[in-house]
Amino acid sequence: MMHEFLTANRMELIHRCRAKVSQRSAPKPTAEELEDGIPLFLDQLIKTLRVEQTTEPMRSRKVSGPSSGGKAESESSEIGQTAARHGQDLLRRGFTVEQVVHDYGDLCQAITDLASESGTPFEMDEFRTLNRCLDNGIAVAVAGFNHQRDFVVANKQALAENERLGFFAHELRNLLNSATLALTVIKEGHVALNGAMGDVLDRSMVGMRNLIDGSLSMVRMTAGMPLQQRLFSVADFIAEVKLSASLEATINECALSVSDVDPRLAVEADRDLLSSAVGNLLQNAFKFTHPKSEVTLNAHAVADRILIEVQDHCGGLAPGDAEKMFLPFTQMGEDKTGIGLGLSIARRSVEVNEGTLSVRDVPGAGCVFTIDLPRHSMPKVFSASSGLAAAS
């Protein structure tokens, strides 16, 4: 009988399984896996086969689970409980779901090989019991593995979200405190609104605006909210950006140069997200450009593309910085204010609008950030006074 064969050859079967497991690529199995995984399953398989030789064979289902594969019954069986722990343990140790399945396949192969070598025959019902135990063991182990994986993923996401919220709250509190103190001093009448305290107030208000705008863009993208894409004039867009960026340039003691834009040029995009992207690029430029230097905002067409460029005078990038600076929570310079999400948000905002964002180093001078978008044209309208078509 199979249970007698398995009992007599238990150590040999375990040895063969351990040999197969030990041949895996990294990560290597631990002593706990080798002791608590397949050996326990093998003992439960033997127990199931023995019970099936008694006058109450159906009691074996409490050990093995049902042949129908019912989820609740399989998980509550002895094999199911052991398999669930085994699957969870393998995930914690860095194994894959394929390796979970291989553990049980190794035992099946070891039993088949040893039986063939010794010429031991088995009854068809015994093979059915073996398959039922393997099926239930694999199914519950994989379910346990996946459950643990989902828990780990959810926990990582929660930690990441808490980290983002913590950074946001910390930065917002600092800016709000600065604005409150500046406003209090100004209201007391000891300083003028257009003096140093006024500059602090302006800087704090602009910082809060940038922080909130960037966070709202991130929320829109991560929440999967639909894009509000529409056709709009690049010239009008750049003029609007210039208006909001001028104050920030003054606060950071640098000049903002904005080139003229062909009024016929247009893009089809989510204007709010694109505005957030350009705003983040300008904020980054103002932050790192040298004092009294110039930040340039330029938009022009090249073939079928629209290029929006922001150039600063930060002195150039260190080797490797261009590849890392778009990663979330990355701050490359000495100024560590902010939460390091601006460039990451800018890139995502551009990419969801079917564009690309790249950076080019200008050694010894600064760097140029380029937003590349599909080119469109503003529709032409008919001018009654001139009888000519003109760009709207």
Protein backbone atom coordinates (compact mmCIF):
# COMPACT_ATOMS: atom_id res chain seq x y z
CA MET A 1 0.00 0.00 0.00
CA MET A 2 1.16 3.56 -0.70
CA HIS A 3 1.09 4.69 2.93
CA GLU A 4 3.37 1.77 3.89
CA PHE A 5 5.72 2.64 1.02
CA LEU A 6 5.79 6.32 2.04
CA THR A 7 6.35 5.48 5.71
CA ALA A 8 9.19 3.09 4.94
CA ASN A 9 10.86 5.55 2.57
CA ARG A 10 10.00 8.80 4.32
CA MET A 11 13.57 9.96 4.94
CA GLU A 12 14.69 9.02 1.43
CA LEU A 13 11.80 11.00 -0.11
CA ILE A 14 12.55 14.01 2.09
CA HIS A 15 16.24 13.76 1.15
CA ARG A 16 15.36 13.75 -2.57
CA CYS A 17 13.06 16.73 -2.16
CA ARG A 18 15.68 18.66 -0.23
CA ALA A 19 18.22 17.93 -2.93
CA LYS A 20 15.88 19.33 -5.58
CA VAL A 21 15.06 22.40 -3.47
CA SER A 22 18.74 23.04 -2.76
CA GLN A 23 19.46 23.19 -6.50
CA ARG A 24 17.20 26.22 -6.93
CA SER A 25 18.62 29.55 -7.94
CA ALA A 26 18.61 32.34 -5.37
CA PRO A 27 17.07 32.82 -2.92
CA LYS A 28 18.32 29.66 -1.23
CA PRO A 29 15.91 27.76 1.05
CA THR A 30 16.29 28.06 4.79
CA ALA A 31 16.44 25.27 7.36
CA GLU A 32 12.87 26.11 8.40
CA GLU A 33 11.56 25.62 4.87
CA LEU A 34 13.34 22.28 4.54
CA GLU A 35 11.94 21.09 7.88
CA ASP A 36 8.42 22.54 7.94
CA GLY A 37 7.26 22.44 4.34
CA ILE A 38 7.25 19.15 2.46
CA PRO A 39 7.98 16.88 5.50
CA LEU A 40 4.73 17.99 7.16
CA PHE A 41 2.80 17.57 3.92
CA LEU A 42 4.25 14.06 3.50
CA ASP A 43 3.14 13.09 7.02
CA GLN A 44 -0.36 14.39 6.28
CA LEU A 45 -0.46 12.46 3.01
CA ILE A 46 0.45 9.26 4.89
CA LYS A 47 -2.24 10.00 7.48
CA THR A 48 -4.84 10.54 4.74
CA LEU A 49 -3.98 7.23 3.03
CA ARG A 50 -4.17 5.35 6.34
CA VAL A 51 -7.58 6.77 7.23
CA GLU A 52 -8.89 5.74 3.82
CA GLN A 53 -8.07 2.12 4.66
CA THR A 54 -10.33 2.21 7.72
CA THR A 55 -14.09 1.64 7.95
CA GLU A 56 -14.63 5.42 7.84
CA PRO A 57 -12.62 6.54 4.78
CA MET A 58 -14.42 9.88 4.44
CA ARG A 59 -12.77 11.07 7.65
CA SER A 60 -9.64 11.50 5.52
CA ARG A 61 -11.19 14.70 4.08
CA LYS A 62 -10.53 16.43 7.40
CA VAL A 63 -6.84 15.87 6.71
CA SER A 64 -6.65 16.32 2.94
CA GLY A 65 -9.66 18.46 2.07
CA PRO A 66 -12.38 17.45 -0.44
CA SER A 67 -11.78 16.21 -3.95
CA SER A 68 -14.17 18.89 -5.23
CA GLY A 69 -11.63 21.55 -4.31
CA GLY A 70 -14.06 23.53 -2.14
CA LYS A 71 -12.15 26.60 -0.92
CA ALA A 72 -13.39 26.73 2.67
CA GLU A 73 -13.07 22.98 3.25
CA SER A 74 -9.60 22.86 1.64
CA GLU A 75 -8.31 25.77 3.72
CA SER A 76 -9.66 24.33 6.98
CA SER A 77 -8.14 20.87 6.41
CA GLU A 78 -4.83 19.91 8.03
CA ILE A 79 -3.06 19.99 4.66
CA GLY A 80 -4.69 23.33 3.87
CA GLN A 81 -3.54 24.96 7.10
CA THR A 82 0.01 23.73 6.65
CA ALA A 83 0.07 24.71 2.97
CA ALA A 84 -1.20 28.22 3.72
CA ARG A 85 1.61 28.79 6.22
CA HIS A 86 4.10 27.30 3.76
CA GLY A 87 3.04 29.67 0.96
CA GLN A 88 3.20 32.70 3.28
CA ASP A 89 6.61 31.69 4.60
CA LEU A 90 8.03 31.33 1.10
CA LEU A 91 6.91 34.84 0.14
CA ARG A 92 8.49 36.32 3.29
CA ARG A 93 11.75 34.64 2.32
CA GLY A 94 11.71 36.05 -1.19
CA PHE A 95 10.52 33.07 -3.24
CA THR A 96 8.17 33.21 -6.22
CA VAL A 97 4.79 31.57 -6.68
CA GLU A 98 6.42 29.20 -9.21
CA GLN A 99 8.75 27.95 -6.50
CA VAL A 100 5.75 27.33 -4.21
CA VAL A 101 4.30 25.01 -6.86
CA HIS A 102 7.69 23.35 -7.45
CA ASP A 103 7.87 22.32 -3.77
CA TYR A 104 4.87 20.03 -4.21
CA GLY A 105 5.92 18.94 -7.67
CA ASP A 106 9.28 17.86 -6.24
CA LEU A 107 7.56 15.48 -3.81
CA CYS A 108 5.32 14.01 -6.50
CA GLN A 109 8.35 13.42 -8.73
CA ALA A 110 10.32 11.88 -5.86
CA ILE A 111 7.48 9.44 -5.04
CA THR A 112 7.06 8.45 -8.70
CA ASP A 113 10.81 7.98 -9.26
CA LEU A 114 11.37 5.91 -6.11
CA ALA A 115 8.32 3.74 -6.77
CA SER A 116 9.54 3.08 -10.31
CA GLU A 117 13.07 2.26 -9.14
CA SER A 118 11.82 -0.21 -6.50
CA GLY A 119 9.09 -1.69 -8.69
CA THR A 120 6.39 -0.81 -6.17
CA PRO A 121 2.85 -0.81 -7.63
CA PHE A 122 0.10 1.49 -6.38
CA GLU A 123 -3.67 1.23 -6.60
CA MET A 124 -5.53 3.71 -8.81
CA ASP A 125 -7.47 5.01 -5.78
CA GLU A 126 -4.17 5.72 -4.04
CA PHE A 127 -3.00 7.81 -7.01
CA ARG A 128 -6.30 9.70 -6.85
CA THR A 129 -5.69 10.42 -3.16
CA LEU A 130 -2.14 11.57 -3.91
CA ASN A 131 -3.43 13.91 -6.63
CA ARG A 132 -6.19 15.25 -4.36
CA CYS A 133 -3.70 16.05 -1.61
CA LEU A 134 -1.31 17.70 -4.08
CA ASP A 135 -4.08 19.70 -5.74
CA ASN A 136 -5.40 21.01 -2.44
CA GLY A 137 -1.93 21.63 -1.05
CA ILE A 138 -0.83 23.60 -4.12
CA ALA A 139 -4.07 25.55 -4.35
CA VAL A 140 -4.05 26.63 -0.71
CA ALA A 141 -0.30 27.32 -0.68
CA VAL A 142 -0.63 29.57 -3.73
CA ALA A 143 -3.65 31.28 -2.15
CA GLY A 144 -1.66 31.82 1.05
CA PHE A 145 1.27 33.16 -0.96
CA ASN A 146 -0.98 35.58 -2.87
CA HIS A 147 -2.79 36.69 0.29
CA GLN A 148 0.51 37.48 1.98
CA ARG A 149 1.75 39.25 -1.17
CA ASP A 150 -1.41 41.40 -1.33
CA PHE A 151 -0.93 42.28 2.32
CA VAL A 152 2.71 43.25 1.74
CA VAL A 153 1.83 45.35 -1.32
CA ALA A 154 -1.00 47.11 0.50
CA ASN A 155 1.27 47.78 3.47
CA LYS A 156 3.97 49.26 1.22
CA GLN A 157 1.42 51.46 -0.50
CA ALA A 158 0.08 52.66 2.85
CA LEU A 159 3.60 53.45 4.07
CA ALA A 160 4.40 55.33 0.86
CA GLU A 161 1.17 57.30 1.11
CA ASN A 162 1.84 58.13 4.75
CA GLU A 163 5.32 59.28 3.80
CA ARG A 164 3.96 61.55 1.07
CA LEU A 165 1.32 62.98 3.41
CA GLY A 166 3.93 63.49 6.12
CA PHE A 167 6.25 65.40 3.78
CA PHE A 168 3.34 67.46 2.45
CA ALA A 169 2.05 68.36 5.92
CA HIS A 170 5.56 69.20 7.14
CA GLU A 171 6.31 71.54 4.22
CA LEU A 172 2.86 73.13 4.30
CA ARG A 173 3.15 73.78 8.04
CA ASN A 174 6.55 75.45 7.63
CA LEU A 175 5.28 77.70 4.84
CA LEU A 176 2.12 78.54 6.74
CA ASN A 177 4.11 79.40 9.88
CA SER A 178 6.38 81.72 7.89
CA ALA A 179 3.40 83.43 6.26
CA THR A 180 1.61 83.80 9.62
CA LEU A 181 4.65 85.31 11.35
CA ALA A 182 5.30 87.71 8.47
CA LEU A 183 1.66 88.82 8.39
CA THR A 184 1.62 89.31 12.18
CA VAL A 185 4.68 91.57 12.08
CA ILE A 186 3.26 93.57 9.15
CA LYS A 187 -0.11 94.02 10.89
CA GLU A 188 1.63 95.37 14.01
CA GLY A 189 2.81 98.25 11.83
CA HIS A 190 6.50 97.93 12.62
CA VAL A 191 7.52 97.10 9.04
CA ALA A 192 6.29 98.05 5.59
CA LEU A 193 4.40 95.64 3.38
CA ASN A 194 6.91 96.18 0.59
CA GLY A 195 9.90 95.39 2.79
CA ALA A 196 11.69 92.19 3.81
CA MET A 197 8.67 90.83 5.70
CA GLY A 198 6.57 91.38 2.60
CA ASP A 199 9.06 89.28 0.66
CA VAL A 200 8.78 86.51 3.26
CA LEU A 201 5.01 86.61 2.97
CA ASP A 202 5.17 86.49 -0.83
CA ARG A 203 7.66 83.62 -0.77
CA SER A 204 5.53 81.62 1.66
CA MET A 205 2.34 82.16 -0.32
CA VAL A 206 4.02 81.17 -3.60
CA GLY A 207 5.50 78.10 -1.90
CA MET A 208 2.10 77.00 -0.62
CA ARG A 209 0.55 77.52 -4.05
CA ASN A 210 3.23 75.41 -5.73
CA LEU A 211 2.99 72.69 -3.11
CA ILE A 212 -0.80 72.45 -3.37
CA ASP A 213 -0.81 72.63 -7.20
CA GLY A 214 1.72 69.81 -7.42
CA SER A 215 -0.16 67.67 -4.92
CA LEU A 216 -3.45 68.17 -6.75
CA SER A 217 -1.80 67.08 -10.00
CA MET A 218 -0.46 63.96 -8.30
CA VAL A 219 -3.90 63.16 -6.87
CA ARG A 220 -5.53 63.55 -10.30
CA MET A 221 -3.06 61.17 -11.93
CA THR A 222 -2.93 58.51 -9.22
CA ALA A 223 -6.74 58.52 -8.91
CA GLY A 224 -7.08 57.84 -12.62
CA MET A 225 -9.31 60.86 -13.18
CA PRO A 226 -10.11 61.44 -16.86
CA LEU A 227 -8.06 64.04 -18.72
CA GLN A 228 -9.71 67.31 -19.65
CA GLN A 229 -8.00 67.55 -23.02
CA ARG A 230 -8.78 70.45 -25.31
CA LEU A 231 -7.08 72.51 -27.99
CA PHE A 232 -5.55 75.76 -26.78
CA SER A 233 -3.09 78.41 -27.94
CA VAL A 234 0.52 77.90 -26.88
CA ALA A 235 1.06 81.68 -26.91
CA ASP A 236 -1.85 82.27 -24.53
CA PHE A 237 -0.68 79.44 -22.32
CA ILE A 238 2.89 80.79 -22.07
CA ALA A 239 1.56 84.28 -21.32
CA GLU A 240 -0.51 82.87 -18.47
CA VAL A 241 2.47 80.94 -17.08
CA LYS A 242 4.64 84.06 -17.32
CA LEU A 243 2.14 86.07 -15.29
CA SER A 244 2.12 83.59 -12.40
CA ALA A 245 5.89 82.97 -12.53
CA SER A 246 7.01 86.61 -12.51
CA LEU A 247 6.48 87.02 -8.77
CA GLU A 248 8.47 83.87 -8.03
CA ALA A 249 11.33 85.14 -10.21
CA THR A 250 11.39 88.40 -8.24
CA ILE A 251 11.36 86.56 -4.92
CA ASN A 252 14.32 84.42 -6.01
CA GLU A 253 16.27 87.47 -7.28
CA CYS A 254 16.56 86.33 -10.86
CA ALA A 255 15.26 87.45 -14.22
CA LEU A 256 12.58 85.62 -16.18
CA SER A 257 12.93 85.86 -19.95
CA VAL A 258 10.01 84.65 -22.05
CA SER A 259 10.28 84.51 -25.84
CA ASP A 260 7.53 85.45 -28.26
CA VAL A 261 5.42 82.51 -29.43
CA ASP A 262 3.85 82.02 -32.86
CA PRO A 263 0.11 82.63 -32.26
CA ARG A 264 -0.79 79.88 -34.71
CA LEU A 265 0.75 77.14 -32.58
CA ALA A 266 -1.51 74.99 -30.40
CA VAL A 267 -1.45 71.83 -28.31
CA GLU A 268 -4.23 69.45 -27.37
CA ALA A 269 -3.76 68.57 -23.73
CA ASP A 270 -5.08 68.82 -20.21
CA ARG A 271 -4.26 72.47 -19.55
CA ASP A 272 -4.16 72.17 -15.76
CA LEU A 273 -1.71 69.26 -15.82
CA LEU A 274 0.49 70.93 -18.41
CA SER A 275 0.44 74.14 -16.38
CA SER A 276 1.49 72.12 -13.33
CA ALA A 277 4.36 70.56 -15.30
CA VAL A 278 5.72 73.89 -16.59
CA GLY A 279 5.18 75.46 -13.18
CA ASN A 280 7.23 72.72 -11.51
CA LEU A 281 10.02 73.16 -14.05
CA LEU A 282 10.12 76.91 -13.45
CA GLN A 283 10.00 76.41 -9.68
CA ASN A 284 12.96 74.03 -9.97
CA ALA A 285 14.83 76.52 -12.18
CA PHE A 286 14.24 79.43 -9.77
CA LYS A 287 15.37 77.25 -6.88
CA PHE A 288 18.72 76.24 -8.38
CA THR A 289 19.71 79.01 -10.79
CA HIS A 290 22.45 81.28 -9.49
CA PRO A 291 21.29 84.57 -7.87
CA LYS A 292 20.98 87.48 -10.31
CA SER A 293 21.03 85.05 -13.25
CA GLU A 294 18.31 84.39 -15.82
CA VAL A 295 15.69 81.69 -16.29
CA THR A 296 14.37 81.36 -19.84
CA LEU A 297 10.97 80.06 -20.91
CA ASN A 298 10.68 79.33 -24.61
CA ALA A 299 8.11 77.61 -26.83
CA HIS A 300 8.50 76.85 -30.53
CA ALA A 301 7.71 74.26 -33.19
CA VAL A 302 10.08 71.73 -34.74
CA ALA A 303 8.46 69.75 -37.58
CA ASP A 304 5.34 68.13 -36.10
CA ARG A 305 6.29 68.76 -32.47
CA ILE A 306 5.85 71.61 -30.00
CA LEU A 307 8.82 72.14 -27.65
CA ILE A 308 8.44 74.05 -24.39
CA GLU A 309 11.84 74.68 -22.82
CA VAL A 310 12.93 75.96 -19.42
CA GLN A 311 16.61 76.86 -19.11
CA ASP A 312 18.44 77.89 -15.95
CA HIS A 313 21.94 78.91 -14.91
CA CYS A 314 22.59 76.40 -12.14
CA GLY A 315 26.14 75.72 -13.31
CA GLY A 316 25.43 72.36 -14.93
CA LEU A 317 24.62 68.86 -13.71
CA ALA A 318 26.89 66.41 -11.92
CA PRO A 319 27.52 63.07 -13.72
CA GLY A 320 24.52 60.77 -13.34
CA ASP A 321 22.15 63.46 -12.03
CA ALA A 322 20.14 63.62 -15.27
CA GLU A 323 19.06 59.98 -14.86
CA LYS A 324 18.12 60.30 -11.18
CA MET A 325 16.49 63.71 -10.91
CA PHE A 326 13.05 62.57 -12.10
CA LEU A 327 12.76 59.93 -9.36
CA PRO A 328 10.22 60.70 -6.59
CA PHE A 329 11.58 62.26 -3.37
CA THR A 330 14.91 63.02 -5.06
CA GLN A 331 16.67 66.30 -4.27
CA MET A 332 19.92 66.83 -6.13
CA GLY A 333 21.22 70.21 -4.91
CA GLU A 334 22.17 71.70 -1.56
CA ASP A 335 18.76 73.33 -1.19
CA LYS A 336 16.59 70.59 0.39
CA THR A 337 13.40 72.62 0.74
CA GLY A 338 10.36 71.00 -0.82
CA ILE A 339 9.55 67.30 -0.86
CA GLY A 340 11.38 66.22 -4.03
CA LEU A 341 8.28 65.43 -6.07
CA GLY A 342 8.21 68.37 -8.49
CA LEU A 343 10.13 66.86 -11.40
CA SER A 344 8.47 63.47 -10.93
CA ILE A 345 5.03 65.09 -11.07
CA ALA A 346 6.08 67.19 -14.08
CA ARG A 347 7.18 64.12 -16.03
CA ARG A 348 3.99 62.20 -15.28
CA SER A 349 1.85 65.23 -16.14
CA VAL A 350 3.55 65.48 -19.53
CA GLU A 351 3.46 61.76 -20.26
CA VAL A 352 -0.29 61.44 -19.65
CA ASN A 353 -0.66 64.13 -22.31
CA GLU A 354 1.23 61.93 -24.83
CA GLY A 355 4.42 63.94 -24.48
CA THR A 356 7.92 63.50 -23.10
CA LEU A 357 10.01 65.45 -20.63
CA SER A 358 13.80 65.36 -20.85
CA VAL A 359 16.75 67.34 -19.53
CA ARG A 360 19.92 68.41 -21.33
CA ASP A 361 23.04 69.50 -19.51
CA VAL A 362 24.83 72.64 -20.62
CA PRO A 363 28.25 72.10 -18.97
CA GLY A 364 29.41 75.02 -16.87
CA ALA A 365 26.21 76.95 -17.52
CA GLY A 366 23.03 75.17 -16.52
CA CYS A 367 20.47 72.75 -17.88
CA VAL A 368 17.52 72.79 -20.26
CA PHE A 369 14.28 70.94 -19.54
CA THR A 370 12.25 70.19 -22.66
CA ILE A 371 8.58 69.25 -22.89
CA ASP A 372 7.90 67.62 -26.26
CA LEU A 373 4.23 67.49 -27.39
CA PRO A 374 2.37 66.76 -30.65
CA ARG A 375 1.95 69.90 -32.73
CA HIS A 376 -1.46 71.35 -33.57
CA SER A 377 -2.64 74.61 -35.11
CA MET A 378 -5.24 77.07 -33.97
CA PRO A 379 -8.34 77.02 -36.17
CA LYS A 380 -8.66 79.89 -38.63
CA VAL A 381 -11.55 82.32 -38.38
CA PHE A 382 -12.85 84.70 -41.03
CA SER A 383 -12.36 88.42 -40.37
CA ALA A 384 -15.30 90.38 -41.79
CA SER A 385 -13.39 93.68 -41.78
CA SER A 386 -10.45 92.45 -43.83
CA GLY A 387 -12.07 89.63 -45.69
CA LEU A 388 -9.08 87.47 -44.69
CA ALA A 389 -8.76 84.34 -42.59
CA ALA A 390 -6.89 84.90 -39.36
CA ALA A 391 -5.80 82.74 -36.43
CA SER A 392 -8.19 83.01 -33.54
